[in-house]
Amino acid sequence: MSEMMEQALEVLREKIEGGIDGVAKFDIEDEGAIVIDSEGARLGDDAADVTLSATLDTFRDMLEGDLNPTAAFMSGKLKIDGDMGMAMRLAQIFT
């Protein structure tokens, strides 16, 4: 696991404080995937209600608060497949 993925897991675990309703996956290009569910955040490629795909740079910018997830989606930097309502709720963890 890369250092960035370890850092991303740590940040996401703090932001979600225990878990979310449903299953979401962040697919990070050339790095792997992080799954978030009621048990928290972990590396994995499980089936999900929504999958958010981005490059490492885009994901890092969102985690650091330098890029709004909605702006990333509107500019094509973030792709969403699945439950758009859940994706919109997830955007709140990045603020």
PDB file of N, CA and C in Angstrom:
ATOM      1  N   MET A   1       0.850  -1.175   0.000  1.00  0.00           N
ATOM      2  CA  MET A   1       0.000   0.000   0.000  1.00  0.00           C
ATOM      3  C   MET A   1       0.896   1.238   0.000  1.00  0.00           C
ATOM      4  N   SER A   2       0.516   2.192  -0.845  1.00  0.00           N
ATOM      5  CA  SER A   2       1.325   3.405  -0.936  1.00  0.00           C
ATOM      6  C   SER A   2       1.101   4.292   0.279  1.00  0.00           C
ATOM      7  N   GLU A   3       2.031   5.191   0.480  1.00  0.00           N
ATOM      8  CA  GLU A   3       1.931   6.130   1.595  1.00  0.00           C
ATOM      9  C   GLU A   3       0.682   7.000   1.449  1.00  0.00           C
ATOM     10  N   MET A   4       0.361   7.383   0.215  1.00  0.00           N
ATOM     11  CA  MET A   4      -0.832   8.208  -0.019  1.00  0.00           C
ATOM     12  C   MET A   4      -2.096   7.458   0.378  1.00  0.00           C
ATOM     13  N   MET A   5      -2.178   6.176   0.059  1.00  0.00           N
ATOM     14  CA  MET A   5      -3.368   5.396   0.411  1.00  0.00           C
ATOM     15  C   MET A   5      -3.485   5.272   1.929  1.00  0.00           C
ATOM     16  N   GLU A   6      -2.372   5.088   2.608  1.00  0.00           N
ATOM     17  CA  GLU A   6      -2.387   5.026   4.069  1.00  0.00           C
ATOM     18  C   GLU A   6      -2.885   6.342   4.652  1.00  0.00           C
ATOM     19  N   GLN A   7      -2.397   7.465   4.119  1.00  0.00           N
ATOM     20  CA  GLN A   7      -2.827   8.776   4.591  1.00  0.00           C
ATOM     21  C   GLN A   7      -4.311   9.006   4.295  1.00  0.00           C
ATOM     22  N   ALA A   8      -4.748   8.596   3.109  1.00  0.00           N
ATOM     23  CA  ALA A   8      -6.144   8.761   2.732  1.00  0.00           C
ATOM     24  C   ALA A   8      -7.055   7.970   3.670  1.00  0.00           C
ATOM     25  N   LEU A   9      -6.664   6.755   3.992  1.00  0.00           N
ATOM     26  CA  LEU A   9      -7.451   5.945   4.922  1.00  0.00           C
ATOM     27  C   LEU A   9      -7.563   6.632   6.276  1.00  0.00           C
ATOM     28  N   GLU A  10      -6.466   7.138   6.754  1.00  0.00           N
ATOM     29  CA  GLU A  10      -6.446   7.823   8.057  1.00  0.00           C
ATOM     30  C   GLU A  10      -7.378   9.025   8.054  1.00  0.00           C
ATOM     31  N   VAL A  11      -7.285   9.848   7.024  1.00  0.00           N
ATOM     32  CA  VAL A  11      -8.118  11.043   6.931  1.00  0.00           C
ATOM     33  C   VAL A  11      -9.593  10.670   6.823  1.00  0.00           C
ATOM     34  N   LEU A  12      -9.909   9.695   5.979  1.00  0.00           N
ATOM     35  CA  LEU A  12     -11.304   9.289   5.806  1.00  0.00           C
ATOM     36  C   LEU A  12     -11.876   8.693   7.089  1.00  0.00           C
ATOM     37  N   ARG A  13     -11.085   7.917   7.792  1.00  0.00           N
ATOM     38  CA  ARG A  13     -11.564   7.339   9.054  1.00  0.00           C
ATOM     39  C   ARG A  13     -11.930   8.434  10.043  1.00  0.00           C
ATOM     40  N   GLU A  14     -11.126   9.483  10.092  1.00  0.00           N
ATOM     41  CA  GLU A  14     -11.418  10.605  10.991  1.00  0.00           C
ATOM     42  C   GLU A  14     -12.666  11.354  10.544  1.00  0.00           C
ATOM     43  N   LYS A  15     -12.822  11.557   9.242  1.00  0.00           N
ATOM     44  CA  LYS A  15     -13.925  12.350   8.721  1.00  0.00           C
ATOM     45  C   LYS A  15     -15.268  11.646   8.849  1.00  0.00           C
ATOM     46  N   ILE A  16     -15.290  10.322   8.721  1.00  0.00           N
ATOM     47  CA  ILE A  16     -16.578   9.627   8.759  1.00  0.00           C
ATOM     48  C   ILE A  16     -16.962   9.164  10.151  1.00  0.00           C
ATOM     49  N   GLU A  17     -16.037   9.203  11.082  1.00  0.00           N
ATOM     50  CA  GLU A  17     -16.309   8.863  12.476  1.00  0.00           C
ATOM     51  C   GLU A  17     -17.166   7.614  12.637  1.00  0.00           C
ATOM     52  N   GLY A  18     -16.687   6.492  12.150  1.00  0.00           N
ATOM     53  CA  GLY A  18     -17.354   5.231  12.411  1.00  0.00           C
ATOM     54  C   GLY A  18     -18.055   4.600  11.234  1.00  0.00           C
ATOM     55  N   GLY A  19     -18.474   5.356  10.253  1.00  0.00           N
ATOM     56  CA  GLY A  19     -19.096   4.733   9.100  1.00  0.00           C
ATOM     57  C   GLY A  19     -20.202   5.568   8.487  1.00  0.00           C
ATOM     58  N   ILE A  20     -20.787   5.010   7.439  1.00  0.00           N
ATOM     59  CA  ILE A  20     -21.877   5.660   6.714  1.00  0.00           C
ATOM     60  C   ILE A  20     -22.968   4.626   6.443  1.00  0.00           C
ATOM     61  N   ASP A  21     -24.136   5.115   6.104  1.00  0.00           N
ATOM     62  CA  ASP A  21     -25.207   4.227   5.651  1.00  0.00           C
ATOM     63  C   ASP A  21     -24.945   3.890   4.196  1.00  0.00           C
ATOM     64  N   GLY A  22     -24.908   2.614   3.873  1.00  0.00           N
ATOM     65  CA  GLY A  22     -24.632   2.193   2.509  1.00  0.00           C
ATOM     66  C   GLY A  22     -23.156   1.891   2.320  1.00  0.00           C
ATOM     67  N   VAL A  23     -22.799   1.701   1.054  1.00  0.00           N
ATOM     68  CA  VAL A  23     -21.417   1.371   0.713  1.00  0.00           C
ATOM     69  C   VAL A  23     -20.958   2.299  -0.411  1.00  0.00           C
ATOM     70  N   ALA A  24     -19.832   2.946  -0.201  1.00  0.00           N
ATOM     71  CA  ALA A  24     -19.243   3.823  -1.213  1.00  0.00           C
ATOM     72  C   ALA A  24     -17.808   3.373  -1.480  1.00  0.00           C
ATOM     73  N   LYS A  25     -17.385   3.572  -2.708  1.00  0.00           N
ATOM     74  CA  LYS A  25     -16.013   3.201  -3.075  1.00  0.00           C
ATOM     75  C   LYS A  25     -15.350   4.375  -3.780  1.00  0.00           C
ATOM     76  N   PHE A  26     -14.137   4.684  -3.355  1.00  0.00           N
ATOM     77  CA  PHE A  26     -13.293   5.658  -4.032  1.00  0.00           C
ATOM     78  C   PHE A  26     -12.263   4.874  -4.836  1.00  0.00           C
ATOM     79  N   ASP A  27     -12.365   4.934  -6.146  1.00  0.00           N
ATOM     80  CA  ASP A  27     -11.439   4.242  -7.040  1.00  0.00           C
ATOM     81  C   ASP A  27     -10.389   5.252  -7.483  1.00  0.00           C
ATOM     82  N   ILE A  28      -9.166   5.073  -6.990  1.00  0.00           N
ATOM     83  CA  ILE A  28      -8.104   6.037  -7.235  1.00  0.00           C
ATOM     84  C   ILE A  28      -7.162   5.459  -8.293  1.00  0.00           C
ATOM     85  N   GLU A  29      -7.117   6.126  -9.417  1.00  0.00           N
ATOM     86  CA  GLU A  29      -6.368   5.667 -10.578  1.00  0.00           C
ATOM     87  C   GLU A  29      -4.926   5.296 -10.231  1.00  0.00           C
ATOM     88  N   ASP A  30      -4.523   4.097 -10.626  1.00  0.00           N
ATOM     89  CA  ASP A  30      -3.164   3.581 -10.429  1.00  0.00           C
ATOM     90  C   ASP A  30      -2.772   3.360  -8.971  1.00  0.00           C
ATOM     91  N   GLU A  31      -3.724   3.483  -8.030  1.00  0.00           N
ATOM     92  CA  GLU A  31      -3.419   3.301  -6.610  1.00  0.00           C
ATOM     93  C   GLU A  31      -4.227   2.176  -5.982  1.00  0.00           C
ATOM     94  N   GLY A  32      -5.503   2.088  -6.317  1.00  0.00           N
ATOM     95  CA  GLY A  32      -6.374   1.096  -5.720  1.00  0.00           C
ATOM     96  C   GLY A  32      -7.697   1.722  -5.324  1.00  0.00           C
ATOM     97  N   ALA A  33      -8.397   1.054  -4.422  1.00  0.00           N
ATOM     98  CA  ALA A  33      -9.723   1.528  -4.035  1.00  0.00           C
ATOM     99  C   ALA A  33      -9.878   1.507  -2.514  1.00  0.00           C
ATOM    100  N   ILE A  34     -10.666   2.453  -2.037  1.00  0.00           N
ATOM    101  CA  ILE A  34     -11.025   2.535  -0.622  1.00  0.00           C
ATOM    102  C   ILE A  34     -12.540   2.400  -0.535  1.00  0.00           C
ATOM    103  N   VAL A  35     -12.979   1.511   0.338  1.00  0.00           N
ATOM    104  CA  VAL A  35     -14.402   1.292   0.556  1.00  0.00           C
ATOM    105  C   VAL A  35     -14.789   1.894   1.902  1.00  0.00           C
ATOM    106  N   ILE A  36     -15.925   2.574   1.921  1.00  0.00           N
ATOM    107  CA  ILE A  36     -16.469   3.135   3.152  1.00  0.00           C
ATOM    108  C   ILE A  36     -17.860   2.545   3.339  1.00  0.00           C
ATOM    109  N   ASP A  37     -18.123   2.035   4.540  1.00  0.00           N
ATOM    110  CA  ASP A  37     -19.440   1.501   4.866  1.00  0.00           C
ATOM    111  C   ASP A  37     -19.721   1.703   6.342  1.00  0.00           C
ATOM    112  N   SER A  38     -20.659   0.972   6.889  1.00  0.00           N
ATOM    113  CA  SER A  38     -21.035   1.159   8.291  1.00  0.00           C
ATOM    114  C   SER A  38     -19.920   0.802   9.262  1.00  0.00           C
ATOM    115  N   GLU A  39     -18.924   0.061   8.791  1.00  0.00           N
ATOM    116  CA  GLU A  39     -17.804  -0.340   9.641  1.00  0.00           C
ATOM    117  C   GLU A  39     -16.621   0.612   9.554  1.00  0.00           C
ATOM    118  N   GLY A  40     -16.673   1.584   8.649  1.00  0.00           N
ATOM    119  CA  GLY A  40     -15.579   2.531   8.502  1.00  0.00           C
ATOM    120  C   GLY A  40     -14.962   2.484   7.124  1.00  0.00           C
ATOM    121  N   ALA A  41     -13.687   2.842   7.030  1.00  0.00           N
ATOM    122  CA  ALA A  41     -12.963   2.894   5.757  1.00  0.00           C
ATOM    123  C   ALA A  41     -11.876   1.826   5.747  1.00  0.00           C
ATOM    124  N   ARG A  42     -11.708   1.189   4.576  1.00  0.00           N
ATOM    125  CA  ARG A  42     -10.684   0.158   4.418  1.00  0.00           C
ATOM    126  C   ARG A  42     -10.324   0.040   2.940  1.00  0.00           C
ATOM    127  N   LEU A  43      -9.169  -0.520   2.681  1.00  0.00           N
ATOM    128  CA  LEU A  43      -8.813  -0.826   1.304  1.00  0.00           C
ATOM    129  C   LEU A  43      -9.679  -1.980   0.839  1.00  0.00           C
ATOM    130  N   GLY A  44     -10.123  -1.928  -0.387  1.00  0.00           N
ATOM    131  CA  GLY A  44     -10.920  -3.021  -0.917  1.00  0.00           C
ATOM    132  C   GLY A  44     -11.559  -2.635  -2.233  1.00  0.00           C
ATOM    133  N   ASP A  45     -12.126  -3.630  -2.881  1.00  0.00           N
ATOM    134  CA  ASP A  45     -12.767  -3.410  -4.165  1.00  0.00           C
ATOM    135  C   ASP A  45     -14.153  -4.046  -4.144  1.00  0.00           C
ATOM    136  N   ASP A  46     -14.848  -3.908  -3.002  1.00  0.00           N
ATOM    137  CA  ASP A  46     -16.173  -4.488  -2.828  1.00  0.00           C
ATOM    138  C   ASP A  46     -17.183  -3.810  -3.743  1.00  0.00           C
ATOM    139  N   ALA A  47     -18.294  -4.485  -3.972  1.00  0.00           N
ATOM    140  CA  ALA A  47     -19.405  -3.860  -4.679  1.00  0.00           C
ATOM    141  C   ALA A  47     -19.895  -2.690  -3.839  1.00  0.00           C
ATOM    142  N   ALA A  48     -20.347  -1.625  -4.496  1.00  0.00           N
ATOM    143  CA  ALA A  48     -20.736  -0.413  -3.773  1.00  0.00           C
ATOM    144  C   ALA A  48     -21.999   0.191  -4.370  1.00  0.00           C
ATOM    145  N   ASP A  49     -22.694   0.969  -3.545  1.00  0.00           N
ATOM    146  CA  ASP A  49     -23.872   1.700  -4.014  1.00  0.00           C
ATOM    147  C   ASP A  49     -23.458   2.832  -4.946  1.00  0.00           C
ATOM    148  N   VAL A  50     -22.283   3.403  -4.688  1.00  0.00           N
ATOM    149  CA  VAL A  50     -21.748   4.467  -5.529  1.00  0.00           C
ATOM    150  C   VAL A  50     -20.227   4.320  -5.595  1.00  0.00           C
ATOM    151  N   THR A  51     -19.681   4.541  -6.779  1.00  0.00           N
ATOM    152  CA  THR A  51     -18.235   4.523  -6.976  1.00  0.00           C
ATOM    153  C   THR A  51     -17.809   5.878  -7.504  1.00  0.00           C
ATOM    154  N   LEU A  52     -16.843   6.476  -6.830  1.00  0.00           N
ATOM    155  CA  LEU A  52     -16.290   7.758  -7.246  1.00  0.00           C
ATOM    156  C   LEU A  52     -14.869   7.503  -7.747  1.00  0.00           C
ATOM    157  N   SER A  53     -14.608   7.872  -8.984  1.00  0.00           N
ATOM    158  CA  SER A  53     -13.310   7.595  -9.600  1.00  0.00           C
ATOM    159  C   SER A  53     -12.586   8.894  -9.921  1.00  0.00           C
ATOM    160  N   ALA A  54     -11.293   8.926  -9.597  1.00  0.00           N
ATOM    161  CA  ALA A  54     -10.488  10.123  -9.841  1.00  0.00           C
ATOM    162  C   ALA A  54      -9.014   9.746  -9.872  1.00  0.00           C
ATOM    163  N   THR A  55      -8.208  10.678 -10.342  1.00  0.00           N
ATOM    164  CA  THR A  55      -6.763  10.491 -10.279  1.00  0.00           C
ATOM    165  C   THR A  55      -6.308  10.709  -8.836  1.00  0.00           C
ATOM    166  N   LEU A  56      -5.100  10.318  -8.561  1.00  0.00           N
ATOM    167  CA  LEU A  56      -4.527  10.520  -7.232  1.00  0.00           C
ATOM    168  C   LEU A  56      -4.483  12.008  -6.881  1.00  0.00           C
ATOM    169  N   ASP A  57      -4.079  12.845  -7.827  1.00  0.00           N
ATOM    170  CA  ASP A  57      -3.992  14.286  -7.568  1.00  0.00           C
ATOM    171  C   ASP A  57      -5.356  14.884  -7.229  1.00  0.00           C
ATOM    172  N   THR A  58      -6.385  14.489  -7.963  1.00  0.00           N
ATOM    173  CA  THR A  58      -7.732  14.994  -7.708  1.00  0.00           C
ATOM    174  C   THR A  58      -8.210  14.542  -6.337  1.00  0.00           C
ATOM    175  N   PHE A  59      -8.012  13.270  -6.022  1.00  0.00           N
ATOM    176  CA  PHE A  59      -8.439  12.740  -4.733  1.00  0.00           C
ATOM    177  C   PHE A  59      -7.705  13.444  -3.593  1.00  0.00           C
ATOM    178  N   ARG A  60      -6.406  13.636  -3.756  1.00  0.00           N
ATOM    179  CA  ARG A  60      -5.613  14.332  -2.734  1.00  0.00           C
ATOM    180  C   ARG A  60      -6.121  15.760  -2.530  1.00  0.00           C
ATOM    181  N   ASP A  61      -6.386  16.461  -3.632  1.00  0.00           N
ATOM    182  CA  ASP A  61      -6.887  17.830  -3.537  1.00  0.00           C
ATOM    183  C   ASP A  61      -8.235  17.881  -2.816  1.00  0.00           C
ATOM    184  N   MET A  62      -9.095  16.898  -3.057  1.00  0.00           N
ATOM    185  CA  MET A  62     -10.387  16.865  -2.360  1.00  0.00           C
ATOM    186  C   MET A  62     -10.181  16.585  -0.873  1.00  0.00           C
ATOM    187  N   LEU A  63      -9.310  15.642  -0.549  1.00  0.00           N
ATOM    188  CA  LEU A  63      -9.049  15.317   0.858  1.00  0.00           C
ATOM    189  C   LEU A  63      -8.481  16.502   1.623  1.00  0.00           C
ATOM    190  N   GLU A  64      -7.623  17.269   0.960  1.00  0.00           N
ATOM    191  CA  GLU A  64      -6.978  18.407   1.613  1.00  0.00           C
ATOM    192  C   GLU A  64      -7.862  19.653   1.620  1.00  0.00           C
ATOM    193  N   GLY A  65      -9.033  19.571   1.000  1.00  0.00           N
ATOM    194  CA  GLY A  65      -9.937  20.711   0.963  1.00  0.00           C
ATOM    195  C   GLY A  65      -9.606  21.744  -0.086  1.00  0.00           C
ATOM    196  N   ASP A  66      -8.693  21.408  -0.997  1.00  0.00           N
ATOM    197  CA  ASP A  66      -8.300  22.338  -2.046  1.00  0.00           C
ATOM    198  C   ASP A  66      -9.196  22.253  -3.277  1.00  0.00           C
ATOM    199  N   LEU A  67     -10.028  21.209  -3.359  1.00  0.00           N
ATOM    200  CA  LEU A  67     -10.913  21.018  -4.502  1.00  0.00           C
ATOM    201  C   LEU A  67     -12.262  20.534  -3.995  1.00  0.00           C
ATOM    202  N   ASN A  68     -13.285  21.271  -4.313  1.00  0.00           N
ATOM    203  CA  ASN A  68     -14.644  20.901  -3.947  1.00  0.00           C
ATOM    204  C   ASN A  68     -15.079  19.711  -4.818  1.00  0.00           C
ATOM    205  N   PRO A  69     -15.634  18.653  -4.220  1.00  0.00           N
ATOM    206  CA  PRO A  69     -16.053  17.485  -4.995  1.00  0.00           C
ATOM    207  C   PRO A  69     -17.063  17.817  -6.098  1.00  0.00           C
ATOM    208  N   THR A  70     -17.964  18.755  -5.843  1.00  0.00           N
ATOM    209  CA  THR A  70     -18.934  19.138  -6.869  1.00  0.00           C
ATOM    210  C   THR A  70     -18.223  19.783  -8.050  1.00  0.00           C
ATOM    211  N   ALA A  71     -17.266  20.641  -7.769  1.00  0.00           N
ATOM    212  CA  ALA A  71     -16.488  21.275  -8.837  1.00  0.00           C
ATOM    213  C   ALA A  71     -15.676  20.229  -9.595  1.00  0.00           C
ATOM    214  N   ALA A  72     -15.133  19.258  -8.868  1.00  0.00           N
ATOM    215  CA  ALA A  72     -14.370  18.190  -9.523  1.00  0.00           C
ATOM    216  C   ALA A  72     -15.263  17.394 -10.472  1.00  0.00           C
ATOM    217  N   PHE A  73     -16.487  17.102 -10.040  1.00  0.00           N
ATOM    218  CA  PHE A  73     -17.433  16.374 -10.885  1.00  0.00           C
ATOM    219  C   PHE A  73     -17.818  17.202 -12.105  1.00  0.00           C
ATOM    220  N   MET A  74     -18.159  18.456 -11.885  1.00  0.00           N
ATOM    221  CA  MET A  74     -18.598  19.320 -12.984  1.00  0.00           C
ATOM    222  C   MET A  74     -17.497  19.548 -14.018  1.00  0.00           C
ATOM    223  N   SER A  75     -16.238  19.506 -13.582  1.00  0.00           N
ATOM    224  CA  SER A  75     -15.128  19.718 -14.509  1.00  0.00           C
ATOM    225  C   SER A  75     -14.637  18.416 -15.139  1.00  0.00           C
ATOM    226  N   GLY A  76     -15.243  17.285 -14.748  1.00  0.00           N
ATOM    227  CA  GLY A  76     -14.855  16.004 -15.325  1.00  0.00           C
ATOM    228  C   GLY A  76     -13.694  15.330 -14.626  1.00  0.00           C
ATOM    229  N   LYS A  77     -13.204  15.914 -13.547  1.00  0.00           N
ATOM    230  CA  LYS A  77     -12.081  15.316 -12.818  1.00  0.00           C
ATOM    231  C   LYS A  77     -12.529  14.175 -11.915  1.00  0.00           C
ATOM    232  N   LEU A  78     -13.811  14.157 -11.550  1.00  0.00           N
ATOM    233  CA  LEU A  78     -14.377  13.125 -10.696  1.00  0.00           C
ATOM    234  C   LEU A  78     -15.533  12.479 -11.440  1.00  0.00           C
ATOM    235  N   LYS A  79     -15.491  11.160 -11.559  1.00  0.00           N
ATOM    236  CA  LYS A  79     -16.562  10.408 -12.215  1.00  0.00           C
ATOM    237  C   LYS A  79     -17.363   9.690 -11.135  1.00  0.00           C
ATOM    238  N   ILE A  80     -18.676   9.662 -11.315  1.00  0.00           N
ATOM    239  CA  ILE A  80     -19.557   9.022 -10.347  1.00  0.00           C
ATOM    240  C   ILE A  80     -20.400   7.982 -11.059  1.00  0.00           C
ATOM    241  N   ASP A  81     -20.436   6.785 -10.481  1.00  0.00           N
ATOM    242  CA  ASP A  81     -21.242   5.702 -11.023  1.00  0.00           C
ATOM    243  C   ASP A  81     -22.099   5.143  -9.896  1.00  0.00           C
ATOM    244  N   GLY A  82     -23.411   5.272 -10.029  1.00  0.00           N
ATOM    245  CA  GLY A  82     -24.299   4.744  -9.001  1.00  0.00           C
ATOM    246  C   GLY A  82     -25.162   5.812  -8.379  1.00  0.00           C
ATOM    247  N   ASP A  83     -25.424   5.672  -7.105  1.00  0.00           N
ATOM    248  CA  ASP A  83     -26.365   6.490  -6.349  1.00  0.00           C
ATOM    249  C   ASP A  83     -25.863   7.934  -6.203  1.00  0.00           C
ATOM    250  N   MET A  84     -26.439   8.832  -7.002  1.00  0.00           N
ATOM    251  CA  MET A  84     -26.016  10.239  -6.958  1.00  0.00           C
ATOM    252  C   MET A  84     -26.348  10.893  -5.618  1.00  0.00           C
ATOM    253  N   GLY A  85     -27.439  10.489  -4.991  1.00  0.00           N
ATOM    254  CA  GLY A  85     -27.794  11.033  -3.679  1.00  0.00           C
ATOM    255  C   GLY A  85     -26.723  10.718  -2.647  1.00  0.00           C
ATOM    256  N   MET A  86     -26.234   9.492  -2.674  1.00  0.00           N
ATOM    257  CA  MET A  86     -25.164   9.112  -1.748  1.00  0.00           C
ATOM    258  C   MET A  86     -23.894   9.886  -2.070  1.00  0.00           C
ATOM    259  N   ALA A  87     -23.615  10.074  -3.349  1.00  0.00           N
ATOM    260  CA  ALA A  87     -22.425  10.841  -3.745  1.00  0.00           C
ATOM    261  C   ALA A  87     -22.505  12.260  -3.202  1.00  0.00           C
ATOM    262  N   MET A  88     -23.692  12.860  -3.249  1.00  0.00           N
ATOM    263  CA  MET A  88     -23.855  14.225  -2.747  1.00  0.00           C
ATOM    264  C   MET A  88     -23.664  14.257  -1.231  1.00  0.00           C
ATOM    265  N   ARG A  89     -24.136  13.242  -0.530  1.00  0.00           N
ATOM    266  CA  ARG A  89     -23.920  13.182   0.925  1.00  0.00           C
ATOM    267  C   ARG A  89     -22.438  12.998   1.240  1.00  0.00           C
ATOM    268  N   LEU A  90     -21.742  12.215   0.438  1.00  0.00           N
ATOM    269  CA  LEU A  90     -20.313  12.004   0.653  1.00  0.00           C
ATOM    270  C   LEU A  90     -19.510  13.283   0.453  1.00  0.00           C
ATOM    271  N   ALA A  91     -19.975  14.129  -0.424  1.00  0.00           N
ATOM    272  CA  ALA A  91     -19.267  15.391  -0.690  1.00  0.00           C
ATOM    273  C   ALA A  91     -19.119  16.202   0.595  1.00  0.00           C
ATOM    274  N   GLN A  92     -20.062  16.038   1.518  1.00  0.00           N
ATOM    275  CA  GLN A  92     -20.021  16.787   2.775  1.00  0.00           C
ATOM    276  C   GLN A  92     -18.834  16.390   3.648  1.00  0.00           C
ATOM    277  N   ILE A  93     -18.314  15.175   3.502  1.00  0.00           N
ATOM    278  CA  ILE A  93     -17.178  14.783   4.341  1.00  0.00           C
ATOM    279  C   ILE A  93     -15.893  15.480   3.915  1.00  0.00           C
ATOM    280  N   PHE A  94     -15.898  16.067   2.728  1.00  0.00           N
ATOM    281  CA  PHE A  94     -14.701  16.740   2.232  1.00  0.00           C
ATOM    282  C   PHE A  94     -14.685  18.218   2.576  1.00  0.00           C
ATOM    283  N   THR A  95     -15.705  18.694   3.281  1.00  0.00           N
ATOM    284  CA  THR A  95     -15.747  20.117   3.610  1.00  0.00           C
ATOM    285  C   THR A  95     -15.347  20.338   5.048  1.00  0.00           C
TER     286      THR A  95
END
